[in-house]
């Protein structure tokens, strides 16, 4: 894992408003999906489970990024990389388990949650990459 993956959102402040919007486009997509679910009568349980699991995962990852930044500040690169790796795997497992459990309870809700998760995850990773490209380069790192 590189320092690019470890530095997280701590550099967003210098990246400008566009970088910030791109990095949080997944949250906007979740907000836009709610009226779609309501208008078309998709199972709201599927939306709720996917949204809650995604937001909890986002919070876990934010905490992990802060912990990793503190670890890097202390010169402990191995700890920082492990924290980010564990948080990333934890997010994947949390979302997959939430979709599986809601799918076992209600197949249509599980399908709706899974279908919503695909674009949300895709937009998140695309936003992460594009946001990195929009940020100014750091000198002296």
Protein backbone atom coordinates (compact mmCIF):
# COMPACT_ATOMS: atom_id res chain seq x y z
CA UNK A 1 0.00 0.00 0.00
CA UNK A 2 1.27 3.46 -0.81
CA UNK A 3 1.17 6.72 1.11
CA UNK A 4 -1.39 7.79 -1.48
CA UNK A 5 -3.79 5.25 0.02
CA UNK A 6 -2.85 6.12 3.58
CA UNK A 7 -3.09 9.91 3.51
CA UNK A 8 -6.87 9.79 3.16
CA UNK A 9 -9.08 12.83 3.38
CA UNK A 10 -6.64 14.96 5.35
CA UNK A 11 -5.49 16.59 2.09
CA UNK A 12 -8.98 17.52 0.88
CA UNK A 13 -8.84 21.01 2.38
CA UNK A 14 -6.17 22.11 -0.10
CA UNK A 15 -7.78 20.36 -3.06
CA UNK A 16 -10.60 22.79 -3.60
CA UNK A 17 -14.33 22.52 -3.69
CA UNK A 18 -14.48 20.31 -6.80
CA UNK A 19 -12.24 17.71 -5.17
CA UNK A 20 -14.48 17.69 -2.12
CA UNK A 21 -17.64 17.27 -4.22
CA UNK A 22 -16.10 14.42 -6.20
CA UNK A 23 -14.88 12.63 -3.08
CA UNK A 24 -18.37 12.69 -1.52
CA UNK A 25 -20.35 11.92 -4.69
CA UNK A 26 -21.29 8.51 -3.24
CA UNK A 27 -23.19 10.23 -0.43
CA UNK A 28 -24.97 12.38 -3.02
CA UNK A 29 -25.86 9.26 -4.98
CA UNK A 30 -27.38 7.73 -1.84
CA UNK A 31 -29.45 10.88 -1.35
CA UNK A 32 -30.61 10.84 -4.99
CA UNK A 33 -31.50 7.14 -4.77
CA UNK A 34 -34.07 7.69 -2.01
CA UNK A 35 -36.65 9.47 -4.20
CA UNK A 36 -36.06 6.85 -6.92
CA UNK A 37 -36.83 4.09 -4.43
CA UNK A 38 -39.95 5.92 -3.26
CA UNK A 39 -41.29 6.83 -6.71
CA UNK A 40 -40.76 3.42 -8.28
CA UNK A 41 -41.87 1.45 -5.23
CA UNK A 42 -38.60 -0.38 -4.65
CA UNK A 43 -38.24 -1.95 -1.18
CA UNK A 44 -37.29 0.85 1.19
CA UNK A 45 -35.81 -1.74 3.56
CA UNK A 46 -33.18 -2.49 0.90
CA UNK A 47 -32.36 1.20 0.60
CA UNK A 48 -32.18 1.67 4.36
CA UNK A 49 -29.93 -1.33 4.94
CA UNK A 50 -27.54 -0.37 2.15
CA UNK A 51 -27.45 3.31 3.18
CA UNK A 52 -26.91 2.60 6.88
CA UNK A 53 -24.21 0.00 6.22
CA UNK A 54 -22.48 2.34 3.77
CA UNK A 55 -22.57 5.32 6.14
CA UNK A 56 -21.29 3.24 9.07
CA UNK A 57 -18.49 1.99 6.82
CA UNK A 58 -17.71 5.57 5.78
CA UNK A 59 -17.47 6.55 9.43
CA UNK A 60 -15.21 3.58 10.20
CA UNK A 61 -12.94 4.52 7.33
CA UNK A 62 -12.78 8.16 8.40
CA UNK A 63 -11.73 7.09 11.90
CA UNK A 64 -9.15 4.73 10.38
CA UNK A 65 -7.74 7.53 8.20
CA UNK A 66 -7.34 9.76 11.25
CA UNK A 67 -5.66 6.95 13.18
CA UNK A 68 -3.39 6.23 10.20
CA UNK A 69 -2.44 9.91 9.92
CA UNK A 70 -1.52 9.94 13.61
CA UNK A 71 0.51 6.75 13.16
CA UNK A 72 2.35 8.28 10.21
CA UNK A 73 3.02 11.35 12.31
CA UNK A 74 4.71 9.09 14.86
CA UNK A 75 6.67 7.40 12.08
CA UNK A 76 4.80 4.10 12.31
CA UNK A 77 4.07 3.41 8.64
CA UNK A 78 3.32 -0.29 9.16
CA UNK A 79 0.58 0.48 11.69
CA UNK A 80 -0.92 3.10 9.37
CA UNK A 81 -1.05 0.70 6.43
CA UNK A 82 -2.58 -2.04 8.58
CA UNK A 83 -5.25 0.32 9.86
CA UNK A 84 -6.31 1.37 6.36
CA UNK A 85 -6.27 -2.23 5.11
CA UNK A 86 -8.38 -3.44 8.05
CA UNK A 87 -10.86 -0.59 7.61
CA UNK A 88 -11.22 -1.27 3.89
CA UNK A 89 -11.81 -4.99 4.42
CA UNK A 90 -14.18 -4.19 7.29
CA UNK A 91 -16.26 -1.95 5.04
CA UNK A 92 -16.53 -4.63 2.38
CA UNK A 93 -17.57 -7.26 4.91
CA UNK A 94 -20.04 -4.92 6.63
CA UNK A 95 -21.81 -4.05 3.38
CA UNK A 96 -21.81 -7.64 2.10
CA UNK A 97 -23.10 -9.01 5.41
CA UNK A 98 -25.85 -6.37 5.59
CA UNK A 99 -26.98 -7.20 2.05
CA UNK A 100 -26.87 -10.93 2.77
CA UNK A 101 -28.90 -10.61 5.98
CA UNK A 102 -31.57 -8.38 4.47
CA UNK A 103 -31.71 -10.71 1.47
CA UNK A 104 -32.35 -13.68 3.74
CA UNK A 105 -35.17 -11.79 5.44
CA UNK A 106 -36.69 -10.35 2.24
CA UNK A 107 -35.34 -11.35 -1.17
CA UNK A 108 -36.58 -8.24 -2.97
CA UNK A 109 -35.07 -5.94 -0.34
CA UNK A 110 -31.78 -7.83 -0.57
CA UNK A 111 -31.75 -7.45 -4.35
CA UNK A 112 -32.56 -3.75 -4.07
CA UNK A 113 -29.74 -3.28 -1.54
CA UNK A 114 -27.28 -5.13 -3.76
CA UNK A 115 -28.30 -3.20 -6.87
CA UNK A 116 -27.90 0.10 -4.97
CA UNK A 117 -24.53 -0.93 -3.53
CA UNK A 118 -22.96 -1.46 -6.96
CA UNK A 119 -23.17 2.16 -8.19
CA UNK A 120 -22.46 3.57 -4.73
CA UNK A 121 -19.21 1.59 -4.43
CA UNK A 122 -18.29 2.40 -8.04
CA UNK A 123 -18.90 6.12 -7.56
CA UNK A 124 -16.93 6.06 -4.30
CA UNK A 125 -13.84 4.52 -5.89
CA UNK A 126 -14.10 6.72 -8.99
CA UNK A 127 -14.45 9.78 -6.76
CA UNK A 128 -11.46 8.71 -4.70
CA UNK A 129 -9.29 8.44 -7.81
CA UNK A 130 -10.56 11.59 -9.49
CA UNK A 131 -10.33 13.51 -6.22
CA UNK A 132 -6.66 12.54 -5.93
CA UNK A 133 -5.99 13.82 -9.44
CA UNK A 134 -7.67 17.16 -8.65
CA UNK A 135 -5.63 17.77 -5.50
CA UNK A 136 -2.48 19.87 -5.75
CA UNK A 137 0.78 17.98 -5.44
CA UNK A 138 2.53 18.09 -2.09
CA UNK A 139 6.18 19.07 -2.10
CA UNK A 140 8.70 17.73 0.35
CA UNK A 141 6.91 14.44 1.15
